[in-house]
Protein backbone atom coordinates (compact mmCIF):
# COMPACT_ATOMS: atom_id res chain seq x y z
CA MET A 1 18.07 38.85 25.91
CA ILE A 2 18.68 41.80 22.92
CA LEU A 3 15.05 40.69 21.70
CA PHE A 4 13.60 41.19 25.34
CA VAL A 5 15.45 44.54 25.87
CA ALA A 6 13.52 45.40 22.15
CA LEU A 7 10.15 44.33 23.00
CA SER A 8 10.03 45.98 26.75
CA ALA A 9 8.67 49.20 24.80
CA ILE A 10 5.54 46.79 24.26
CA LEU A 11 5.79 44.60 27.15
CA ALA A 12 6.14 47.13 29.99
CA PRO A 13 3.02 49.46 28.91
CA PHE A 14 0.95 46.48 28.58
CA ILE A 15 2.08 45.29 32.06
CA PHE A 16 1.57 48.53 33.92
CA LEU A 17 -1.44 49.82 31.82
CA VAL A 18 -3.24 46.60 30.78
CA LEU A 19 -2.22 43.70 33.51
CA LEU A 20 -1.56 46.12 37.11
CA ARG A 21 -4.17 49.01 35.88
CA MET A 22 -2.07 51.83 36.55
CA PRO A 23 -3.09 55.14 35.42
CA ALA A 24 -1.11 55.79 32.55
CA LYS A 25 0.86 58.86 33.87
CA LYS A 26 2.31 56.33 36.83
CA GLY A 27 2.46 53.13 33.94
CA MET A 28 4.01 54.92 31.36
CA LEU A 29 6.38 56.81 33.87
CA TYR A 30 7.53 53.33 34.92
CA SER A 31 7.67 52.22 31.15
CA ALA A 32 9.88 54.99 30.23
CA LEU A 33 12.34 54.54 32.82
CA ILE A 34 12.56 50.99 32.04
CA VAL A 35 13.18 51.17 28.33
CA ILE A 36 15.46 54.36 28.50
CA GLY A 37 17.69 52.33 31.27
CA LEU A 38 17.72 49.03 29.03
CA ALA A 39 18.54 51.53 25.67
CA TYR A 40 21.98 53.27 27.72
CA PHE A 41 22.89 49.91 29.49
CA VAL A 42 22.11 47.40 27.01
CA TRP A 43 21.76 48.86 23.41
CA GLY A 44 24.65 51.42 24.11
CA VAL A 45 22.68 54.42 22.99
CA GLY A 46 24.36 57.64 24.31
CA GLU A 47 23.46 59.98 26.64
CA ARG A 48 23.44 62.78 24.50
CA VAL A 49 20.88 61.00 21.85
CA ILE A 50 18.72 59.82 24.90
CA ALA A 51 18.53 63.40 26.27
CA ALA A 52 17.73 64.67 22.54
CA SER A 53 15.28 61.88 22.40
CA ILE A 54 13.58 62.89 25.44
CA LEU A 55 13.42 66.59 24.52
CA GLU A 56 12.04 65.48 21.23
CA GLY A 57 9.11 63.63 22.93
CA ALA A 58 8.42 66.51 25.23
CA HIS A 59 8.40 68.90 22.26
CA LYS A 60 5.70 66.73 20.62
CA THR A 61 3.90 66.32 23.96
CA LEU A 62 3.15 69.89 23.34
CA THR A 63 1.99 69.26 19.87
CA ILE A 64 -0.62 66.85 20.96
CA LEU A 65 -1.71 68.86 23.81
CA PHE A 66 -2.50 71.52 22.03
CA ILE A 67 -4.63 69.45 19.54
CA LEU A 68 -6.26 67.73 22.73
CA PHE A 69 -6.91 71.45 24.37
CA GLY A 70 -8.61 72.39 21.18
CA ALA A 71 -10.94 69.47 20.86
CA ILE A 72 -11.57 70.28 24.89
CA VAL A 73 -11.99 73.82 24.58
CA LEU A 74 -14.53 73.42 21.66
CA LEU A 75 -16.77 70.97 23.53
CA ASN A 76 -16.81 73.22 26.44
CA THR A 77 -17.55 76.15 24.48
CA LEU A 78 -20.66 74.31 22.63
CA ARG A 79 -21.55 72.86 25.85
CA ASN A 80 -21.53 76.61 27.45
CA THR A 81 -23.62 77.83 24.62
CA GLY A 82 -26.62 74.81 24.29
CA ALA A 83 -24.95 73.81 20.79
CA VAL A 84 -23.91 70.14 22.02
CA ASP A 85 -27.61 70.07 23.52
CA ARG A 86 -29.22 70.72 19.75
CA ILE A 87 -26.46 68.91 18.12
CA ASN A 88 -27.81 65.79 20.13
CA GLN A 89 -31.22 66.67 19.24
CA GLY A 90 -30.79 66.24 15.82
CA PHE A 91 -28.73 62.98 16.03
CA ARG A 92 -31.99 61.67 18.02
CA SER A 93 -34.47 62.85 15.49
CA ILE A 94 -32.55 60.74 13.26
CA SER A 95 -32.39 57.91 15.72
CA LYS A 96 -32.63 57.19 18.97
CA ASP A 97 -31.51 53.72 18.84
CA MET A 98 -27.86 53.83 20.56
CA ARG A 99 -26.66 51.39 18.28
CA VAL A 100 -27.68 53.76 15.27
CA GLN A 101 -26.00 56.45 16.83
CA ILE A 102 -22.52 55.33 17.66
CA VAL A 103 -22.20 54.18 13.79
CA ILE A 104 -23.35 57.75 12.56
CA VAL A 105 -21.51 59.50 15.27
CA ALA A 106 -18.22 57.84 15.98
CA PHE A 107 -17.80 55.58 12.37
CA LEU A 108 -18.96 58.22 9.81
CA PHE A 109 -18.55 61.49 11.35
CA GLY A 110 -15.56 60.26 12.97
CA ALA A 111 -14.21 59.11 9.26
CA LEU A 112 -15.00 62.64 8.04
CA ILE A 113 -12.81 64.72 10.77
CA GLU A 114 -10.09 61.83 10.13
CA GLY A 115 -10.03 62.10 6.41
CA ALA A 116 -9.52 66.07 7.03
CA ALA A 117 -7.55 66.25 10.03
CA GLY A 118 -6.00 62.92 11.46
CA PHE A 119 -3.81 62.94 14.16
CA GLY A 120 -6.04 61.51 16.72
CA THR A 121 -8.56 64.16 16.31
CA PRO A 122 -11.82 62.06 15.51
CA ALA A 123 -11.69 60.23 18.71
CA ALA A 124 -11.12 63.61 20.75
CA VAL A 125 -14.25 65.07 19.05
CA THR A 126 -16.64 62.15 18.70
CA GLY A 127 -15.94 60.87 22.43
CA PRO A 128 -17.38 63.84 24.22
CA LEU A 129 -20.41 64.13 21.63
CA MET A 130 -21.34 60.83 22.93
CA VAL A 131 -20.99 61.03 26.26
CA ALA A 132 -23.55 64.27 25.62
CA LEU A 133 -25.91 61.61 23.91
CA GLY A 134 -25.90 59.51 27.15
CA PHE A 135 -23.17 57.02 26.63
CA SER A 136 -20.84 56.38 29.54
CA PRO A 137 -17.55 57.69 29.15
CA LEU A 138 -16.01 54.26 28.82
CA ALA A 139 -18.13 53.25 26.26
CA ALA A 140 -17.67 56.61 24.69
CA ALA A 141 -13.92 56.59 24.65
CA ALA A 142 -13.40 53.05 23.58
CA ILE A 143 -16.23 53.00 20.61
CA ALA A 144 -14.60 56.13 19.54
CA LEU A 145 -11.18 54.28 19.21
CA ILE A 146 -12.04 51.68 17.62
CA ALA A 147 -14.31 53.54 15.06
CA ASP A 148 -11.25 55.60 14.05
CA SER A 149 -9.40 52.78 12.43
CA SER A 150 -10.41 51.99 8.75
CA ALA A 151 -10.35 55.53 7.47
CA VAL A 152 -6.82 56.29 9.11
CA SER A 153 -5.54 54.66 6.01
CA TYR A 154 -6.29 57.57 4.45
CA GLY A 155 -6.27 60.36 7.11
CA ALA A 156 -5.16 63.63 6.81
CA VAL A 157 -5.77 63.99 3.17
CA GLY A 158 -3.95 60.59 2.05
CA THR A 159 -0.76 61.39 4.20
CA PRO A 160 -0.39 58.00 6.29
CA ILE A 161 -0.01 56.37 2.13
CA GLN A 162 1.89 59.32 0.79
CA VAL A 163 4.27 59.94 3.77
CA GLY A 164 4.12 56.83 5.16
CA LEU A 165 5.69 55.13 1.61
CA SER A 166 7.61 57.98 0.76
CA ASN A 167 11.03 56.11 1.35
CA ILE A 168 9.92 53.23 -0.87
CA PRO A 169 11.74 52.92 -4.03
CA GLY A 170 10.28 54.08 -6.73
CA ALA A 171 6.94 55.65 -4.86
CA ASP A 172 5.52 58.37 -6.74
CA LEU A 173 1.57 59.53 -6.96
CA SER A 174 0.77 56.65 -9.34
CA TYR A 175 2.26 54.00 -7.17
CA TYR A 176 0.69 56.02 -4.00
CA LYS A 177 -2.79 55.46 -6.20
CA GLU A 178 -1.87 52.11 -6.77
CA ILE A 179 -1.34 51.03 -3.21
CA GLY A 180 -4.60 52.81 -2.11
CA VAL A 181 -6.52 50.86 -4.39
CA GLN A 182 -5.00 47.94 -3.19
CA VAL A 183 -5.57 48.81 0.64
CA ALA A 184 -9.33 49.80 -0.15
CA PHE A 185 -9.49 46.23 -1.66
CA PHE A 186 -8.29 44.43 1.46
CA ASP A 187 -10.43 46.56 3.92
CA LEU A 188 -13.73 45.32 2.38
CA PHE A 189 -13.23 41.95 4.18
CA ALA A 190 -12.16 44.11 7.59
CA GLY A 191 -13.60 47.95 7.36
CA SER A 192 -16.93 46.66 6.30
CA PHE A 193 -17.54 44.96 9.68
CA ILE A 194 -16.56 47.90 12.02
CA PRO A 195 -20.01 49.32 12.34
CA LEU A 196 -21.16 45.38 13.69
CA ILE A 197 -17.83 45.04 15.78
CA LEU A 198 -19.16 48.64 17.25
CA VAL A 199 -22.48 47.21 18.05
CA VAL A 200 -20.92 44.05 19.63
CA ILE A 201 -18.82 46.04 22.23
CA LEU A 202 -21.66 48.47 23.00
CA THR A 203 -24.14 45.83 23.63
CA VAL A 204 -22.07 43.21 25.06
CA PHE A 205 -19.83 45.40 27.43
CA PHE A 206 -22.08 48.21 28.06
CA GLY A 207 -25.57 47.00 27.77
CA LYS A 208 -27.96 45.97 30.54
CA LYS A 209 -29.30 42.69 29.30
CA ARG A 210 -26.49 41.56 26.70
CA ASN A 211 -28.83 40.20 25.00
CA LEU A 212 -27.71 38.62 21.69
CA ARG A 213 -30.97 39.51 19.81
CA ASP A 214 -29.85 42.92 20.34
CA ILE A 215 -26.66 42.01 18.07
CA LYS A 216 -28.58 39.97 15.44
CA GLN A 217 -31.44 42.62 14.76
CA MET A 218 -28.71 44.92 13.94
CA ILE A 219 -26.41 42.72 11.22
CA PRO A 220 -28.23 43.51 8.02
CA TRP A 221 -28.06 47.24 8.47
CA THR A 222 -24.70 47.93 9.76
CA LEU A 223 -23.07 45.77 6.90
CA LEU A 224 -25.05 48.10 4.61
CA ILE A 225 -23.35 50.62 6.28
CA GLY A 226 -20.15 49.04 6.44
CA PHE A 227 -20.14 48.08 2.96
CA ALA A 228 -21.61 51.28 1.77
CA TYR A 229 -18.53 52.94 3.35
CA THR A 230 -15.71 50.29 2.13
CA LEU A 231 -17.43 50.10 -1.42
CA SER A 232 -17.55 53.55 -1.93
CA ALA A 233 -13.95 53.84 -1.02
CA TYR A 234 -12.71 51.21 -3.12
CA LEU A 235 -14.47 52.99 -6.03
CA TYR A 236 -12.98 56.52 -4.91
CA ALA A 237 -9.65 55.11 -4.57
CA SER A 238 -9.78 53.70 -8.00
CA LEU A 239 -11.04 56.67 -9.69
CA PHE A 240 -9.27 59.36 -7.66
CA GLY A 241 -6.15 58.25 -5.96
CA HIS A 242 -5.76 58.03 -2.15
CA GLU A 243 -5.92 61.67 -1.10
CA PHE A 244 -9.79 62.01 -0.71
CA VAL A 245 -11.14 58.78 -0.02
CA ALA A 246 -11.64 58.96 3.71
CA ILE A 247 -13.89 62.31 3.04
CA LEU A 248 -15.63 61.22 0.11
CA ALA A 249 -16.51 57.60 1.66
CA SER A 250 -17.73 58.79 5.08
CA LEU A 251 -20.18 61.26 3.36
CA THR A 252 -21.24 58.71 1.31
CA GLY A 253 -22.14 56.58 4.31
CA LEU A 254 -23.36 59.38 6.12
CA LEU A 255 -26.04 59.74 3.34
CA VAL A 256 -26.69 56.47 3.18
CA ALA A 257 -26.87 55.77 6.94
CA THR A 258 -29.09 59.26 7.78
CA LEU A 259 -31.99 57.88 4.97
CA THR A 260 -32.03 54.45 5.98
CA ALA A 261 -32.34 55.11 9.70
CA LYS A 262 -34.81 57.88 9.22
CA LYS A 263 -36.84 55.73 7.33
CA GLY A 264 -36.23 52.59 9.76
CA PHE A 265 -35.06 50.49 6.69
CA LEU A 266 -33.27 47.30 8.30
CA LEU A 267 -33.87 48.58 11.51
CA PRO A 268 -36.09 47.02 14.28
CA ASP A 269 -38.94 48.82 15.70
CA ASP A 270 -37.87 49.78 18.92
CA PRO A 271 -35.05 52.14 19.59
CA TRP A 272 -32.33 50.26 22.02
CA GLN A 273 -31.40 52.50 24.82
CA GLU A 274 -29.56 49.65 26.95
CA ALA A 275 -26.30 51.71 27.42
CA LEU A 276 -27.97 55.08 28.41
CA GLN A 277 -25.97 56.13 31.45
CA GLU A 278 -28.88 58.12 32.80
CA GLU A 279 -32.43 58.48 31.69
CA LYS A 280 -32.97 61.22 29.59
CA GLY A 281 -36.47 63.02 29.34
CA ALA A 282 -37.91 64.98 26.40
CA ASP A 283 -35.49 67.00 24.95
CA GLU A 284 -36.19 70.77 26.01
CA PRO A 285 -36.11 72.93 23.06
CA VAL A 286 -33.11 74.92 22.57
CA SER A 287 -33.37 78.54 21.13
CA MET A 288 -30.73 77.94 18.19
CA SER A 289 -30.82 76.51 14.73
CA LEU A 290 -29.10 73.20 14.00
CA TRP A 291 -27.17 74.93 11.25
CA ALA A 292 -25.62 77.55 14.12
CA ALA A 293 -25.14 74.38 16.24
CA TRP A 294 -23.02 72.75 13.37
CA ALA A 295 -21.46 75.36 12.36
CA PRO A 296 -18.11 75.26 14.13
CA TYR A 297 -17.66 71.32 12.62
CA VAL A 298 -18.46 72.47 9.40
CA ILE A 299 -16.02 75.53 9.83
CA ILE A 300 -13.42 72.81 11.08
CA VAL A 301 -13.66 70.46 7.76
CA LEU A 302 -13.54 73.49 5.51
CA LEU A 303 -10.62 74.77 7.14
CA LEU A 304 -8.94 71.34 7.42
CA LEU A 305 -9.31 70.87 3.58
CA VAL A 306 -8.16 74.36 2.65
CA THR A 307 -4.88 74.35 4.47
CA ARG A 308 -4.08 70.91 3.21
CA ILE A 309 -5.42 71.44 -0.36
CA VAL A 310 -5.02 75.14 -1.51
CA PRO A 311 -1.16 75.41 -1.90
CA SER A 312 -0.60 79.28 -1.02
CA VAL A 313 -2.87 78.66 2.11
CA LYS A 314 -1.15 75.56 2.71
CA SER A 315 2.22 77.27 2.69
CA PHE A 316 1.15 80.13 4.83
CA ALA A 317 0.04 77.53 7.31
CA LEU A 318 3.39 75.78 7.47
CA THR A 319 5.72 78.68 7.38
CA TRP A 320 3.81 81.60 9.47
CA VAL A 321 4.03 80.42 13.10
CA ASP A 322 6.70 77.60 12.83
CA LEU A 323 7.95 76.44 16.43
CA SER A 324 9.70 73.16 14.90
CA TRP A 325 12.86 72.26 16.79
CA ALA A 326 15.38 70.58 14.59
CA ASP A 327 18.61 68.66 15.43
CA ILE A 328 18.04 68.83 18.96
CA LEU A 329 21.15 69.05 21.20
CA GLY A 330 22.94 68.89 17.57
CA VAL A 331 21.82 65.51 16.89
CA GLU A 332 21.47 65.19 13.76
CA GLY A 333 17.80 63.52 12.40
CA ILE A 334 16.21 64.22 15.91
CA THR A 335 13.65 66.63 15.00
CA SER A 336 10.19 67.60 16.47
CA SER A 337 8.12 69.54 13.85
CA TRP A 338 5.22 71.77 14.80
CA GLN A 339 3.54 74.18 12.21
CA VAL A 340 1.44 75.70 14.58
CA LEU A 341 -1.52 77.30 12.30
CA TYR A 342 -1.31 74.13 10.08
CA SER A 343 -2.16 71.86 13.51
CA PRO A 344 -5.74 70.79 13.87
CA GLY A 345 -5.35 72.34 17.23
CA SER A 346 -5.40 75.74 16.05
CA VAL A 347 -8.52 75.19 13.49
CA LEU A 348 -10.33 73.75 16.51
CA VAL A 349 -9.55 76.59 18.89
CA PHE A 350 -10.42 79.08 16.03
CA ALA A 351 -13.79 76.95 15.68
CA ALA A 352 -14.62 77.28 19.24
CA ILE A 353 -13.84 81.27 18.98
CA THR A 354 -16.14 81.51 16.10
CA ALA A 355 -18.99 79.29 17.75
CA VAL A 356 -19.81 82.16 20.19
CA VAL A 357 -20.10 84.63 17.61
CA VAL A 358 -22.14 82.53 15.04
CA GLN A 359 -24.46 81.50 18.20
CA ARG A 360 -24.87 85.00 19.29
CA LYS A 361 -23.13 84.25 22.67
CA SER A 362 -21.12 86.24 25.33
CA PHE A 363 -17.27 85.81 24.71
CA ASP A 364 -17.14 84.68 28.64
CA ARG A 365 -18.72 81.34 27.36
CA PHE A 366 -15.44 80.39 25.48
CA THR A 367 -12.89 82.10 28.20
CA LYS A 368 -14.89 79.60 30.83
CA ALA A 369 -14.50 76.80 28.48
CA ALA A 370 -10.63 77.75 28.28
CA LYS A 371 -9.65 77.59 31.86
CA GLU A 372 -12.08 74.53 32.41
CA SER A 373 -10.06 72.74 29.45
CA VAL A 374 -6.48 73.84 30.67
CA LEU A 375 -7.43 72.25 34.23
CA SER A 376 -8.68 69.04 32.85
CA MET A 377 -5.37 67.98 31.00
CA LYS A 378 -2.97 68.07 33.91
CA ASP A 379 -2.92 64.13 34.04
CA ALA A 380 -3.11 63.65 30.21
CA ALA A 381 -0.18 66.24 29.96
CA LEU A 382 2.10 63.77 32.42
CA ALA A 383 1.02 60.42 30.70
CA LEU A 384 2.05 61.82 27.42
CA VAL A 385 5.44 63.33 28.02
CA ALA A 386 6.26 59.65 29.74
CA THR A 387 4.63 58.26 26.51
CA LEU A 388 6.53 60.25 24.27
CA ALA A 389 9.50 60.14 25.70
CA LEU A 390 9.81 55.97 25.58
CA VAL A 391 8.42 56.43 22.16
CA GLN A 392 11.37 58.34 20.77
CA VAL A 393 14.05 56.74 23.00
CA PHE A 394 12.73 53.29 20.97
CA THR A 395 12.67 55.00 17.86
CA ASN A 396 15.80 56.66 17.72
CA SER A 397 17.65 53.68 19.24
CA GLY A 398 19.50 53.04 16.23
CA MET A 399 22.09 55.86 16.92
CA ASN A 400 24.26 53.46 19.28
CA ALA A 401 27.71 52.08 19.76
CA GLN A 402 27.09 48.86 19.32
CA ASP A 403 26.48 48.85 15.63
CA LEU A 404 22.69 47.54 16.36
CA VAL A 405 19.99 48.71 14.31
CA SER A 406 17.02 50.10 16.06
CA MET A 407 14.53 48.54 18.22
CA PRO A 408 11.89 48.58 16.01
CA GLN A 409 13.99 47.15 12.99
CA TYR A 410 15.23 44.66 14.99
CA ILE A 411 11.74 43.43 16.43
CA ALA A 412 10.53 43.26 12.64
CA GLN A 413 13.95 41.32 11.54
CA THR A 414 13.41 38.65 14.35
CA LEU A 415 9.64 37.94 13.14
CA ALA A 416 10.56 37.92 9.32
CA ALA A 417 13.04 35.10 10.00
CA GLY A 418 10.26 33.00 12.14
CA PHE A 419 7.50 33.13 9.36
CA GLY A 420 8.72 33.34 6.12
CA SER A 421 6.39 32.93 3.51
CA MET A 422 3.33 33.20 6.02
CA TRP A 423 4.72 36.78 6.56
CA VAL A 424 0.95 38.08 5.06
CA MET A 425 -0.21 36.71 8.20
CA VAL A 426 1.92 38.81 10.32
CA ALA A 427 2.82 42.09 8.49
CA PRO A 428 -0.67 43.76 9.90
CA PHE A 429 0.66 43.29 13.56
CA LEU A 430 3.87 44.97 12.83
CA GLY A 431 2.29 47.78 11.50
CA GLN A 432 -0.31 47.63 14.68
CA LEU A 433 3.21 47.59 16.59
CA GLY A 434 4.54 50.32 15.05
CA ALA A 435 1.28 52.20 15.99
CA PHE A 436 1.03 51.18 19.31
CA ILE A 437 4.50 52.32 20.12
CA THR A 438 4.69 55.79 17.82
CA GLY A 439 1.07 56.87 18.34
CA SER A 440 0.82 57.72 14.60
CA ALA A 441 -0.15 55.14 11.47
CA THR A 442 2.08 57.70 9.31
CA VAL A 443 5.18 57.26 11.57
CA SER A 444 4.69 53.68 11.75
CA THR A 445 4.54 52.89 8.23
CA LEU A 446 7.21 55.50 7.26
CA THR A 447 9.20 53.01 9.96
CA PHE A 448 8.27 49.83 9.14
CA SER A 449 7.56 50.12 5.34
CA PRO A 450 11.38 49.69 4.16
CA VAL A 451 11.59 46.50 6.73
CA GLN A 452 7.97 45.23 4.90
CA TYR A 453 9.65 45.85 1.66
CA SER A 454 12.79 43.85 2.47
CA ILE A 455 10.98 40.91 3.86
CA ALA A 456 8.54 40.86 0.79
CA GLN A 457 11.46 40.47 -1.14
CA GLU A 458 13.50 38.13 0.87
CA THR A 459 10.22 35.77 0.74
CA ALA A 460 8.94 36.53 -2.62
CA LEU A 461 5.81 37.89 -1.68
CA ALA A 462 4.17 40.53 -3.55
CA LYS A 463 5.60 43.87 -2.15
CA ASP A 464 2.24 46.10 -2.86
CA THR A 465 0.22 43.38 -1.04
CA VAL A 466 2.92 43.44 2.18
CA LEU A 467 2.96 47.16 2.02
CA SER A 468 -0.77 47.16 2.17
CA LEU A 469 -0.86 45.42 5.01
CA GLN A 470 1.26 47.77 6.70
CA VAL A 471 -0.79 50.37 6.28
CA LEU A 472 -4.04 48.71 7.18
CA GLY A 473 -2.43 47.34 10.17
CA SER A 474 -1.06 50.91 11.48
CA SER A 475 -4.58 51.85 10.64
CA ALA A 476 -5.86 49.33 13.05
CA GLY A 477 -3.27 50.04 15.55
CA ASN A 478 -4.99 53.39 16.09
CA MET A 479 -7.41 51.91 18.39
CA ILE A 480 -4.68 50.68 20.98
CA CYS A 481 -1.93 53.45 20.70
CA VAL A 482 -1.14 54.65 23.86
CA HIS A 483 -1.15 58.63 23.44
CA ASN A 484 -4.67 58.49 21.41
CA VAL A 485 -6.12 56.24 24.46
CA VAL A 486 -4.80 59.00 26.56
CA ALA A 487 -6.27 61.87 24.70
CA ALA A 488 -9.72 60.02 24.22
CA GLY A 489 -9.62 59.15 27.97
CA ALA A 490 -8.82 62.87 28.79
CA VAL A 491 -11.97 64.41 26.85
CA VAL A 492 -14.16 62.29 28.45
CA GLY A 493 -13.06 62.47 31.97
CA LEU A 494 -11.21 59.26 32.10
CA ALA A 495 -8.07 60.34 32.73
CA GLY A 496 -6.00 57.42 34.67
CA LYS A 497 -8.39 54.73 33.28
CA GLU A 498 -5.94 54.11 29.83
CA GLY A 499 -5.69 50.51 30.78
CA ASP A 500 -9.70 49.58 30.84
CA ILE A 501 -9.84 51.69 27.44
CA ILE A 502 -7.26 49.25 25.98
CA ARG A 503 -8.85 46.52 27.45
CA LYS A 504 -11.74 47.14 25.05
CA THR A 505 -10.09 48.05 22.34
CA ILE A 506 -7.44 45.54 21.67
CA GLY A 507 -9.65 42.67 20.76
CA PRO A 508 -11.37 44.82 17.89
CA ALA A 509 -7.75 45.55 16.78
CA LEU A 510 -6.45 42.30 16.58
CA LEU A 511 -9.21 40.92 14.95
CA TYR A 512 -8.76 43.61 12.23
CA GLY A 513 -5.41 42.47 11.56
CA LEU A 514 -6.50 39.07 11.53
CA LEU A 515 -9.15 39.60 8.86
CA VAL A 516 -7.00 41.82 6.68
CA GLY A 517 -4.08 39.17 7.13
CA THR A 518 -6.43 35.97 5.96
CA ALA A 519 -7.97 38.20 3.11
CA ALA A 520 -4.44 38.97 1.43
CA LEU A 521 -3.26 34.89 2.26
CA VAL A 522 -6.41 33.91 0.31
CA TYR A 523 -6.15 36.66 -2.62
CA LEU A 524 -2.44 35.60 -3.18
CA PHE A 525 -3.33 31.79 -3.03
CA PHE A 526 -5.78 32.71 -6.18
CA THR A 527 -3.53 35.12 -8.09
């Protein structure tokens, strides 16, 4: 009974969103009501803790909506200025093959944004770009989420490792580097195949002919790009540590992908466009330089890096406009942070404003985009409020009158008791579970890394290996976590279709966990 209650936070969203195909604003509301009710009546969580958790979720919703608004307003502004058309002309000049475009846009450019920002920003940025390239909204959202996985281990300048593992005994910079290297090593056996997986998803689910040949002919090039990313990630992790791996590896991958795609190296002669939503004629010239069109994205990457690397700028961004809410309703430990200037949302809005200046357009283009963006976020806001209320009650359920551990810890302990020394095959999926519920790879690792550490001790497994699998699993969980799915769907106009998106992303997420778990099992067998 207790295990069923703990699992309700997973089972309810799966039933309502995936099986019953409800829109998230309805399915997550029902899920939240069920979990909150069970937390109160069965788990013994008090009224004040539940109320504080709901308010914490509402506050966190504002922080996510701010990022989502920034992503949408940037896209709408660039559409209004004509920059999106110019950017897409640039992508098509590299390759008109849609299979190549998803690797460059979703996987590599998305990894660059992930390395600088994190917080689900990449899917919100790359999804709309793919829609503008002619992909269907569902294809764009699903592919953007699947692509934003491998880089998440090092996202936001190393935050998932450095913050996620900060509560492990003896954790310091040298330990983070050690974990970062092991994460990169195991990711050679999973992340390397993400470009190929993206091609499979695109051709099988969204291609008109679904020809196996369309996949086979892309295997050499996708593996080249996949290993260019993961091998360089392993090198950078070994040389420099965990902070800049995603940024440097994505730049390396972009260089290799662009050069090989332009020359047609390992690529078929005929460009594949079987998933094109509507026939595109010849591109009409846009009176804007490619540099001016890309300038807002360059500004985004530079600002994100500066605000996270330069100590004085970081301190200013963290303290100048701080809307954090500590100890909500007087409950110690229930806190929601929101440093507004440090948020990727501020950077995205600033980039949108800068766009009209750099591209010499009227400021009306931005104000029009802002109005459109606010109106488009209504359904996403309703879904996120319910989702984050569920998440925070689930996470804070350790504060109860029954002396029970929190629901996440109870699930982990029950699983550990059942799997013993085979835990390495399960460890990545616990990380995925954490990301699915909390919506954050960092929070998943912060929550479950002490549990993973204890399990490794009890089962005599290598602690570093188990913790690396936690990090990798939580990164893969990024593909299916509800609030990322809500955000990715909202920016491409698919609010209410979250279940359809998850049905496309759950398979790759599970495969990722299986690959890294198997790699770890083999590694431990031979060491």
